[in-house]
């Protein structure tokens, strides 16, 4: 599988993974690996993060969008609700 962003420039660079947000294949130059915490809702609608965090690989476009969202809504920037 080849990187989607590199293929736009005519290059065929082997992808290291698939973006967890959009599903695009991404090479090391066009991907970002980070951590994300899973959360569950406890009584009184209180979200609680669980340990350890999961790995999250994002393509460059989705990583940029997630950073913009994190600047707007920092309380939910790095978590996934599971219940």
C-alpha atoms as a PDB file:
ATOM      1  CA  UNK A   1       0.000   0.000   0.000  1.00  0.00           C
ATOM      2  CA  UNK A   2       1.260   3.494  -0.830  1.00  0.00           C
ATOM      3  CA  UNK A   3       0.856   6.811   0.973  1.00  0.00           C
ATOM      4  CA  UNK A   4      -2.150   8.771  -0.306  1.00  0.00           C
ATOM      5  CA  UNK A   5      -0.456  12.158   0.127  1.00  0.00           C
ATOM      6  CA  UNK A   6       2.720  11.057  -1.658  1.00  0.00           C
ATOM      7  CA  UNK A   7       0.712   9.610  -4.537  1.00  0.00           C
ATOM      8  CA  UNK A   8      -0.686  13.105  -5.132  1.00  0.00           C
ATOM      9  CA  UNK A   9       2.833  14.209  -6.075  1.00  0.00           C
ATOM     10  CA  UNK A  10       3.435  11.179  -8.280  1.00  0.00           C
ATOM     11  CA  UNK A  11       5.647   9.372  -5.761  1.00  0.00           C
ATOM     12  CA  UNK A  12       5.047   5.814  -4.593  1.00  0.00           C
ATOM     13  CA  UNK A  13       6.135   5.705  -0.950  1.00  0.00           C
ATOM     14  CA  UNK A  14       5.251   2.674   1.153  1.00  0.00           C
ATOM     15  CA  UNK A  15       2.715   3.429   3.880  1.00  0.00           C
ATOM     16  CA  UNK A  16       3.469   2.592   7.528  1.00  0.00           C
ATOM     17  CA  UNK A  17      -0.168   2.585   8.588  1.00  0.00           C
ATOM     18  CA  UNK A  18      -3.724   3.678   8.042  1.00  0.00           C
ATOM     19  CA  UNK A  19      -5.232   6.839   9.526  1.00  0.00           C
ATOM     20  CA  UNK A  20      -7.622   5.920  12.336  1.00  0.00           C
ATOM     21  CA  UNK A  21      -9.865   8.856  11.405  1.00  0.00           C
ATOM     22  CA  UNK A  22     -10.263   8.729   7.601  1.00  0.00           C
ATOM     23  CA  UNK A  23      -8.627   5.437   6.605  1.00  0.00           C
ATOM     24  CA  UNK A  24      -6.007   6.925   4.271  1.00  0.00           C
ATOM     25  CA  UNK A  25      -2.677   5.129   3.988  1.00  0.00           C
ATOM     26  CA  UNK A  26       0.174   7.289   5.321  1.00  0.00           C
ATOM     27  CA  UNK A  27       3.990   7.190   5.181  1.00  0.00           C
ATOM     28  CA  UNK A  28       6.269   8.320   8.056  1.00  0.00           C
ATOM     29  CA  UNK A  29       6.449  11.854   6.617  1.00  0.00           C
ATOM     30  CA  UNK A  30       2.659  12.214   6.353  1.00  0.00           C
ATOM     31  CA  UNK A  31       1.583  10.557   9.613  1.00  0.00           C
ATOM     32  CA  UNK A  32       1.510  11.424  13.284  1.00  0.00           C
ATOM     33  CA  UNK A  33       1.476   8.880  16.101  1.00  0.00           C
ATOM     34  CA  UNK A  34      -0.049   9.980  19.392  1.00  0.00           C
ATOM     35  CA  UNK A  35      -1.909   8.669  22.433  1.00  0.00           C
ATOM     36  CA  UNK A  36      -5.624   8.760  23.042  1.00  0.00           C
ATOM     37  CA  UNK A  37      -7.462   7.969  26.258  1.00  0.00           C
ATOM     38  CA  UNK A  38     -10.616   5.885  26.303  1.00  0.00           C
ATOM     39  CA  UNK A  39     -13.263   7.209  28.674  1.00  0.00           C
ATOM     40  CA  UNK A  40     -16.337   5.726  30.290  1.00  0.00           C
ATOM     41  CA  UNK A  41     -19.198   7.505  31.989  1.00  0.00           C
ATOM     42  CA  UNK A  42     -19.506   7.067  35.747  1.00  0.00           C
ATOM     43  CA  UNK A  43     -22.480   8.095  37.898  1.00  0.00           C
ATOM     44  CA  UNK A  44     -23.614  11.694  37.577  1.00  0.00           C
ATOM     45  CA  UNK A  45     -22.450  11.741  33.920  1.00  0.00           C
ATOM     46  CA  UNK A  46     -18.788  12.056  34.888  1.00  0.00           C
ATOM     47  CA  UNK A  47     -16.377  10.901  32.146  1.00  0.00           C
ATOM     48  CA  UNK A  48     -13.353   9.017  33.489  1.00  0.00           C
ATOM     49  CA  UNK A  49     -10.250   8.250  31.417  1.00  0.00           C
ATOM     50  CA  UNK A  50      -8.866   4.721  31.587  1.00  0.00           C
ATOM     51  CA  UNK A  51      -5.208   3.704  31.530  1.00  0.00           C
ATOM     52  CA  UNK A  52      -3.188   2.927  29.522  1.00  0.00           C
ATOM     53  CA  UNK A  53      -3.907   5.161  26.513  1.00  0.00           C
ATOM     54  CA  UNK A  54      -4.294   3.651  23.047  1.00  0.00           C
ATOM     55  CA  UNK A  55      -2.058   4.496  20.108  1.00  0.00           C
ATOM     56  CA  UNK A  56      -3.569   6.667  17.389  1.00  0.00           C
ATOM     57  CA  UNK A  57      -2.057   7.098  13.921  1.00  0.00           C
ATOM     58  CA  UNK A  58      -3.388  10.059  11.956  1.00  0.00           C
ATOM     59  CA  UNK A  59      -2.601  11.275   8.450  1.00  0.00           C
ATOM     60  CA  UNK A  60      -1.361  14.861   8.157  1.00  0.00           C
ATOM     61  CA  UNK A  61      -4.768  16.276   7.242  1.00  0.00           C
ATOM     62  CA  UNK A  62      -6.593  14.609  10.145  1.00  0.00           C
ATOM     63  CA  UNK A  63      -3.802  15.484  12.611  1.00  0.00           C
ATOM     64  CA  UNK A  64      -4.175  19.146  11.639  1.00  0.00           C
ATOM     65  CA  UNK A  65      -7.956  18.958  12.096  1.00  0.00           C
ATOM     66  CA  UNK A  66      -7.578  17.274  15.514  1.00  0.00           C
ATOM     67  CA  UNK A  67      -5.137  19.977  16.670  1.00  0.00           C
ATOM     68  CA  UNK A  68      -7.633  22.676  15.600  1.00  0.00           C
ATOM     69  CA  UNK A  69     -10.399  20.875  17.501  1.00  0.00           C
ATOM     70  CA  UNK A  70      -8.140  20.543  20.562  1.00  0.00           C
ATOM     71  CA  UNK A  71      -7.521  24.292  20.534  1.00  0.00           C
ATOM     72  CA  UNK A  72     -11.280  24.889  20.458  1.00  0.00           C
ATOM     73  CA  UNK A  73     -12.368  22.140  22.891  1.00  0.00           C
ATOM     74  CA  UNK A  74      -9.354  21.130  25.035  1.00  0.00           C
ATOM     75  CA  UNK A  75     -11.443  19.089  27.479  1.00  0.00           C
ATOM     76  CA  UNK A  76     -12.297  16.501  24.773  1.00  0.00           C
ATOM     77  CA  UNK A  77      -9.213  16.777  22.564  1.00  0.00           C
ATOM     78  CA  UNK A  78      -7.555  13.524  23.559  1.00  0.00           C
ATOM     79  CA  UNK A  79     -10.351  11.146  24.538  1.00  0.00           C
ATOM     80  CA  UNK A  80     -12.805   8.679  23.014  1.00  0.00           C
ATOM     81  CA  UNK A  81     -16.086   7.983  24.787  1.00  0.00           C
ATOM     82  CA  UNK A  82     -16.753   4.239  25.064  1.00  0.00           C
ATOM     83  CA  UNK A  83     -20.058   4.152  26.957  1.00  0.00           C
END
